[in-house]
Protein backbone atom coordinates (compact mmCIF):
# COMPACT_ATOMS: atom_id res chain seq x y z
CA MET A 1 32.22 100.02 111.81
CA THR A 2 32.36 96.17 112.74
CA LEU A 3 33.86 95.36 109.28
CA ARG A 4 36.87 98.23 109.14
CA ARG A 5 37.60 96.88 112.90
CA THR A 6 37.71 93.19 111.28
CA VAL A 7 39.54 94.24 108.22
CA GLY A 8 41.98 95.93 110.00
CA ALA A 9 42.86 93.56 112.34
CA VAL A 10 43.45 91.34 109.37
CA SER A 11 45.61 93.73 108.05
CA GLY A 12 47.36 94.16 111.23
CA ALA A 13 48.08 90.07 111.92
CA GLY A 14 49.00 89.55 108.64
CA ALA A 15 51.46 92.68 109.07
CA LEU A 16 52.41 90.90 112.31
CA ILE A 17 53.02 87.72 110.40
CA LEU A 18 54.78 88.86 107.79
CA GLY A 19 57.44 90.76 109.96
CA MET A 20 57.99 87.26 111.52
CA LEU A 21 58.32 86.06 108.96
CA ALA A 22 61.16 88.30 107.58
CA LEU A 23 63.30 88.05 111.03
CA THR A 24 63.67 84.26 110.08
CA LEU A 25 65.10 85.00 106.43
CA PRO A 26 68.90 85.17 105.87
CA SER A 27 70.62 88.15 105.81
CA PRO A 28 73.23 89.31 102.65
CA TYR A 29 75.74 89.41 105.48
CA LEU A 30 78.89 87.86 106.76
CA LEU A 31 79.71 88.50 110.82
CA GLU A 32 83.05 88.23 111.70
CA SER A 33 83.39 87.80 115.64
CA PRO A 34 85.94 87.22 118.09
CA GLY A 35 87.57 83.79 118.24
CA PRO A 36 89.86 81.51 120.22
CA ILE A 37 93.57 81.73 120.37
CA PHE A 38 95.70 78.73 120.22
CA ASN A 39 99.67 78.96 121.33
CA THR A 40 101.94 77.36 118.96
CA ILE A 41 104.32 76.39 121.75
CA GLY A 42 101.93 75.06 123.43
CA GLU A 43 99.62 71.77 123.20
CA ASP A 44 96.20 71.17 121.52
CA ASN A 45 94.13 68.37 122.31
CA GLY A 46 97.07 67.19 124.33
CA SER A 47 99.66 66.70 121.64
CA PRO A 48 102.05 69.65 120.91
CA VAL A 49 100.88 72.51 118.30
CA THR A 50 104.44 72.29 116.67
CA THR A 51 107.23 69.52 116.48
CA VAL A 52 110.24 70.17 114.91
CA HIS A 53 112.57 67.17 113.05
CA GLY A 54 116.03 66.82 112.24
CA ALA A 55 117.56 69.96 114.55
CA GLN A 56 118.00 70.30 117.65
CA THR A 57 114.85 71.48 119.60
CA TYR A 58 115.09 73.11 123.82
CA GLU A 59 112.13 73.84 125.95
CA THR A 60 109.61 76.54 125.44
CA GLU A 61 107.56 78.92 127.91
CA GLY A 62 104.97 81.82 128.02
CA SER A 63 102.95 81.60 124.74
CA LEU A 64 102.82 82.93 121.09
CA ALA A 65 99.41 82.38 120.60
CA LEU A 66 97.79 82.50 116.93
CA THR A 67 94.54 84.52 116.87
CA THR A 68 91.57 83.08 114.75
CA VAL A 69 87.99 84.91 113.88
CA PHE A 70 84.68 83.35 114.12
CA VAL A 71 82.84 84.17 110.20
CA SER A 72 79.21 83.82 110.11
CA GLY A 73 77.22 83.67 107.31
CA ALA A 74 76.69 82.39 103.37
CA PRO A 75 77.85 80.10 102.05
CA THR A 76 79.03 78.39 105.36
CA SER A 77 76.60 79.12 107.58
CA THR A 78 73.09 81.17 107.79
CA VAL A 79 73.19 84.68 109.62
CA ARG A 80 69.37 85.62 109.95
CA VAL A 81 68.27 89.06 110.14
CA PRO A 82 68.26 89.68 114.25
CA ASP A 83 71.83 88.63 114.13
CA ALA A 84 72.68 91.04 111.67
CA VAL A 85 70.95 93.71 113.54
CA ARG A 86 72.78 92.49 116.86
CA GLY A 87 76.01 92.69 114.74
CA TRP A 88 75.26 96.60 114.08
CA PHE A 89 74.99 97.52 117.77
CA ASP A 90 78.73 95.32 118.91
CA PRO A 91 81.53 97.24 118.45
CA GLY A 92 83.64 93.80 118.70
CA ILE A 93 81.55 92.87 115.50
CA ASP A 94 82.10 93.58 112.19
CA ILE A 95 79.41 93.39 109.09
CA THR A 96 80.68 92.91 105.86
CA PRO A 97 78.30 92.71 102.55
CA HIS A 98 78.87 89.10 101.56
CA GLU A 99 79.11 89.70 97.75
CA LEU A 100 82.16 91.80 98.61
CA VAL A 101 84.06 88.45 100.23
CA TYR A 102 82.64 85.03 97.78
CA PRO A 103 82.03 85.20 94.63
CA SER A 104 78.73 84.33 93.88
CA GLY A 105 78.39 80.73 93.35
CA THR A 106 81.00 80.23 95.91
CA THR A 107 80.11 76.61 97.77
CA ALA A 108 81.14 76.15 101.87
CA GLU A 109 83.24 73.19 100.53
CA GLU A 110 85.09 75.80 97.67
CA VAL A 111 85.65 77.86 101.32
CA ARG A 112 86.52 75.05 103.50
CA GLN A 113 89.28 73.74 100.82
CA HIS A 114 90.77 77.34 100.30
CA ASN A 115 90.84 77.89 104.41
CA THR A 116 92.55 74.35 104.41
CA GLN A 117 94.98 74.95 101.58
CA ALA A 118 95.91 78.70 102.47
CA MET A 119 96.57 77.22 106.17
CA ALA A 120 99.28 74.53 104.59
CA SER A 121 100.82 76.87 102.74
CA SER A 122 101.36 79.55 105.58
CA GLN A 123 103.24 76.52 107.69
CA GLU A 124 105.36 75.95 104.92
CA LEU A 125 106.42 79.29 104.08
CA ALA A 126 106.58 79.92 108.42
CA LEU A 127 109.37 77.00 108.40
CA ALA A 128 111.01 79.19 105.50
CA ALA A 129 110.79 82.48 107.36
CA ALA A 130 112.30 80.60 110.62
CA LEU A 131 115.03 79.01 108.73
CA ASP A 132 116.37 82.48 107.33
CA HIS A 133 115.75 84.10 110.56
CA LEU A 134 118.07 81.39 112.04
CA GLU A 135 120.63 81.84 109.11
CA MET A 136 119.79 77.94 107.91
CA ASP A 137 120.24 77.65 104.09
CA PHE A 138 117.37 75.77 101.92
CA GLU A 139 116.39 76.54 98.79
CA VAL A 140 113.18 77.84 97.22
CA GLU A 141 111.91 78.28 93.78
CA LEU A 142 108.64 80.71 92.45
CA SER A 143 107.45 79.68 89.26
CA VAL A 144 104.54 81.23 87.13
CA MET A 145 102.07 79.04 86.78
CA ASP A 146 98.99 81.04 84.98
CA PHE A 147 97.52 84.00 84.60
CA THR A 148 94.25 85.98 85.52
CA GLU A 149 91.71 87.48 83.03
CA GLN A 150 93.05 91.16 83.36
CA ALA A 151 96.91 89.87 82.85
CA VAL A 152 95.99 88.12 80.15
CA GLU A 153 94.03 91.37 78.50
CA ALA A 154 97.60 93.27 78.67
CA GLY A 155 99.51 90.67 77.41
CA THR A 156 101.33 89.06 80.25
CA PRO A 157 101.13 85.94 78.55
CA GLU A 158 103.24 87.16 75.55
CA ILE A 159 106.31 87.99 78.30
CA LEU A 160 106.23 85.22 80.68
CA THR A 161 106.27 81.82 80.38
CA PRO A 162 104.45 79.14 82.17
CA GLY A 163 107.57 78.03 84.47
CA ASP A 164 109.94 81.30 84.51
CA GLN A 165 111.20 81.14 88.12
CA VAL A 166 110.79 84.61 89.33
CA ILE A 167 113.86 85.24 91.10
CA ALA A 168 113.54 89.37 91.44
CA ALA A 169 111.60 92.48 91.08
CA ALA A 170 112.59 95.83 90.45
CA GLY A 171 115.86 94.76 91.10
CA GLU A 172 115.53 93.16 94.30
CA ARG A 173 115.50 89.50 95.24
CA VAL A 174 111.99 88.16 95.96
CA THR A 175 111.58 85.08 97.83
CA GLY A 176 107.97 85.35 98.41
CA LEU A 177 104.74 86.58 97.55
CA GLU A 178 104.38 89.35 100.20
CA GLY A 179 108.17 91.18 98.65
CA LEU A 180 106.76 90.61 95.15
CA ARG A 181 103.31 92.47 96.05
CA SER A 182 105.22 95.30 97.59
CA ALA A 183 107.60 95.89 94.47
CA VAL A 184 104.22 95.55 92.41
CA ASN A 185 102.76 98.64 94.53
CA ALA A 186 105.64 100.37 94.48
CA ALA A 187 105.83 100.64 90.97
CA ALA A 188 102.01 102.21 91.05
CA GLY A 189 100.49 100.76 88.17
CA GLU A 190 103.87 101.48 85.91
CA SER A 191 105.56 98.35 84.51
CA ILE A 192 107.75 96.45 86.70
CA GLU A 193 110.97 94.60 85.94
CA LEU A 194 110.97 91.10 86.78
CA THR A 195 114.15 88.79 86.58
CA VAL A 196 113.18 85.14 85.77
CA VAL A 197 115.01 81.99 85.00
CA ARG A 198 114.48 80.66 81.57
CA ASP A 199 115.78 77.59 80.07
CA GLY A 200 118.52 78.11 82.28
CA GLU A 201 119.57 81.70 81.35
CA HIS A 202 118.43 84.90 83.11
CA VAL A 203 116.37 87.27 81.31
CA GLU A 204 114.74 90.39 82.22
CA VAL A 205 111.03 91.51 81.41
CA GLU A 206 109.22 94.18 81.87
CA VAL A 207 105.79 93.23 83.35
CA PRO A 208 102.47 95.22 82.73
CA THR A 209 100.57 96.06 86.50
CA TYR A 210 96.97 97.06 87.16
CA GLN A 211 95.16 98.19 89.64
CA GLU A 212 91.86 96.55 91.34
CA ALA A 213 89.20 98.09 93.27
CA ASP A 214 90.75 97.62 96.31
CA GLY A 215 93.32 99.96 95.76
CA GLU A 216 96.37 97.71 95.02
CA TYR A 217 98.40 97.15 92.07
CA TYR A 218 98.43 93.39 90.38
CA VAL A 219 100.85 92.13 87.74
CA GLY A 220 98.25 88.59 87.74
CA ILE A 221 100.58 85.87 88.06
CA LEU A 222 99.93 82.82 89.45
CA LEU A 223 102.32 81.62 91.14
CA ALA A 224 103.75 78.08 92.34
CA SER A 225 106.36 77.81 95.51
CA GLU A 226 108.36 74.41 96.21
CA PHE A 227 110.99 74.20 98.89
CA GLU A 228 113.71 71.90 100.40
CA PHE A 229 114.31 72.00 103.85
CA PRO A 230 117.10 70.74 106.35
CA VAL A 231 114.34 70.11 108.89
CA GLU A 232 110.86 69.13 108.86
CA ALA A 233 108.24 70.93 110.86
CA ASP A 234 104.88 69.25 111.91
CA ILE A 235 102.10 71.26 112.98
CA ARG A 236 98.91 70.06 114.15
CA LEU A 237 95.89 72.16 114.56
CA GLU A 238 92.03 71.30 113.84
CA GLY A 239 89.64 73.33 112.55
CA VAL A 240 91.66 76.74 111.55
CA GLY A 241 91.96 77.72 108.11
CA GLY A 242 94.01 80.66 106.18
CA PRO A 243 96.79 82.57 105.80
CA SER A 244 97.15 84.76 108.83
CA ALA A 245 98.77 82.62 111.35
CA GLY A 246 102.26 82.63 109.25
CA LEU A 247 103.97 85.32 111.84
CA MET A 248 103.25 83.22 115.23
CA PHE A 249 103.90 79.62 113.80
CA THR A 250 107.70 81.40 112.60
CA LEU A 251 108.03 82.90 116.12
CA GLY A 252 107.28 79.42 117.52
CA LEU A 253 109.48 77.46 115.20
CA ILE A 254 112.14 80.10 116.38
CA ASP A 255 111.34 79.81 119.81
CA SER A 256 111.79 75.98 119.30
CA MET A 257 114.90 75.65 117.93
CA THR A 258 116.58 78.60 120.25
CA GLU A 259 118.38 77.46 123.71
CA ASP A 260 117.46 80.90 125.21
CA SER A 261 113.87 81.44 125.89
CA LEU A 262 112.07 83.68 123.25
CA THR A 263 109.42 84.87 125.52
CA GLY A 264 111.03 84.85 128.86
CA GLY A 265 107.50 83.75 130.09
CA GLU A 266 105.72 86.45 128.82
CA ASN A 267 102.02 86.07 127.00
CA TRP A 268 102.21 86.80 123.35
CA ALA A 269 99.37 86.21 120.82
CA GLY A 270 99.94 87.45 117.37
CA THR A 271 99.10 87.34 113.65
CA GLY A 272 99.95 88.00 109.94
CA THR A 273 101.02 86.08 106.90
CA VAL A 274 105.04 86.02 106.27
CA ASP A 275 107.14 85.44 103.53
CA PRO A 276 110.22 83.39 103.29
CA ASP A 277 112.32 86.15 103.58
CA GLY A 278 110.46 87.15 106.68
CA THR A 279 108.02 89.85 105.21
CA VAL A 280 104.86 90.39 107.62
CA GLY A 281 101.78 90.84 105.63
CA PRO A 282 98.28 91.63 106.25
CA ILE A 283 95.05 89.76 107.29
CA GLY A 284 91.68 90.10 107.75
CA GLY A 285 89.71 90.88 111.22
CA ILE A 286 92.22 92.67 112.91
CA ALA A 287 89.66 93.78 115.40
CA GLN A 288 88.24 90.92 116.24
CA LYS A 289 91.83 89.31 116.95
CA VAL A 290 92.66 91.77 119.45
CA ILE A 291 89.90 91.10 121.84
CA GLY A 292 90.32 87.21 121.42
CA ALA A 293 93.81 87.61 122.40
CA ARG A 294 93.00 89.59 125.07
CA ASP A 295 90.35 87.66 126.31
CA GLY A 296 92.57 84.60 126.00
CA GLY A 297 94.96 86.24 128.48
CA ALA A 298 97.56 87.54 126.10
CA GLU A 299 99.13 90.67 127.70
CA GLN A 300 101.23 91.15 124.30
CA PHE A 301 100.22 91.23 120.80
CA LEU A 302 102.05 91.87 117.21
CA ALA A 303 99.89 93.01 114.54
CA PRO A 304 101.17 93.80 110.64
CA ARG A 305 102.08 97.33 110.84
CA ASP A 306 100.06 97.32 107.38
CA ASN A 307 96.85 96.74 109.56
CA CYS A 308 97.34 99.36 112.61
CA ASP A 309 95.29 102.08 111.02
CA GLU A 310 92.17 99.74 111.56
CA LEU A 311 92.60 99.25 115.07
CA GLU A 312 92.37 103.51 115.81
CA GLY A 313 90.08 103.45 118.55
CA ARG A 314 89.31 100.24 118.80
CA LEU A 315 92.25 98.78 121.07
CA PRO A 316 90.85 97.01 124.27
CA GLU A 317 91.87 97.48 127.56
CA GLY A 318 94.86 95.57 129.10
CA LEU A 319 96.96 94.78 125.50
CA ALA A 320 100.12 96.27 124.83
CA VAL A 321 99.88 96.07 120.37
CA TYR A 322 103.13 96.41 118.40
CA GLY A 323 102.93 96.72 114.50
CA VAL A 324 105.48 94.90 112.76
CA GLU A 325 106.78 94.77 109.21
CA ASN A 326 109.20 91.71 109.49
CA VAL A 327 109.86 88.70 111.51
CA ASP A 328 112.93 90.10 112.65
CA GLN A 329 111.58 93.30 114.10
CA ALA A 330 108.98 90.77 116.03
CA VAL A 331 111.37 88.97 117.43
CA GLU A 332 113.17 92.04 119.03
CA ILE A 333 110.21 93.78 120.56
CA VAL A 334 109.33 90.03 122.00
CA GLU A 335 112.88 89.89 123.55
CA ALA A 336 112.77 93.98 124.30
CA VAL A 337 109.80 92.99 126.49
CA ARG A 338 111.32 90.04 128.00
CA ASP A 339 114.28 91.89 128.73
CA GLY A 340 112.39 94.74 129.80
CA ASN A 341 114.48 96.53 127.36
CA ASP A 342 112.70 100.28 127.49
CA ASP A 343 115.20 101.98 125.42
CA VAL A 344 113.83 99.62 122.49
CA LEU A 345 110.22 99.78 123.16
CA ALA A 346 110.18 103.63 123.51
CA GLU A 347 111.62 103.83 120.21
CA LEU A 348 108.83 101.78 118.67
CA GLU A 349 105.34 103.23 117.74
CA SER A 350 102.48 101.43 119.28
CA CYS A 351 99.56 100.32 117.19
CA GLY A 352 96.18 102.12 116.83
CA ARG A 353 97.20 104.33 119.50
């Protein structure tokens, strides 16, 4: 009996030690939690977030805040098993398997570079969208750079050539990626007609599309955007990356270059990518961003219409959320709240309710 007790005690202690060691191991998950918000018409660390050169600017009031998400997990940080367990029980945290977000072998530096480049691109696109709304002319070119592996297999390089300038899809003018993406999805797997400028001539070509595991359709073209603006915008914000601030940067620029206050002193927050033609695209982490906005003092929120289904049953109390498809609609909503225009607001379908 003494021997059995000794063996049992040793086995129990060994199991306890192994269990404790398991708790220190990294988990294969990413955790998304609410992050801080930043007012695009305010200051960050004592300096204006947005400064416009080459155009008349005006005083602003209220806030048009961009929202952020804290992402924890490899390759930029480590999520331990206890962290993942707590995340399962926190309604404000979403848990995603690491391999669904980052390909195997992705480094922390690659993630940082991607987010920095995406943020820089979103600022350029925001200026284009703001000028488009204000009816100020600018030049833009979308040029074919390269092709994805799927596009190569489909024979797209035999149809398009690097340097081709894409100007229309399915007969509609294209000025940005969201507009092209919408046209490709509307084709629903069928070939899509693209109009390109090649050697100074307009050429119409039929380009195959393909569907990915996410249910979206693609043409597999890597495009480069080149702009020539009549004004300059200097947007400074440290430690924030990704493309999802485009909509709020756009509204901040519009407010700065418009004599009348856009917000009327209301505290707005929001999110969404933006194209030069004002198209607002979906983003990740919408559930965390509305919580961060509410916690940051926002009373109104603008969300991409395509993200609204994700907010079903997940809206925090005290925050009115409006789904938008483009910048013009976003401006109309902000002005309607400013003016107390209940007729306009009554026609809008609230997001997530």
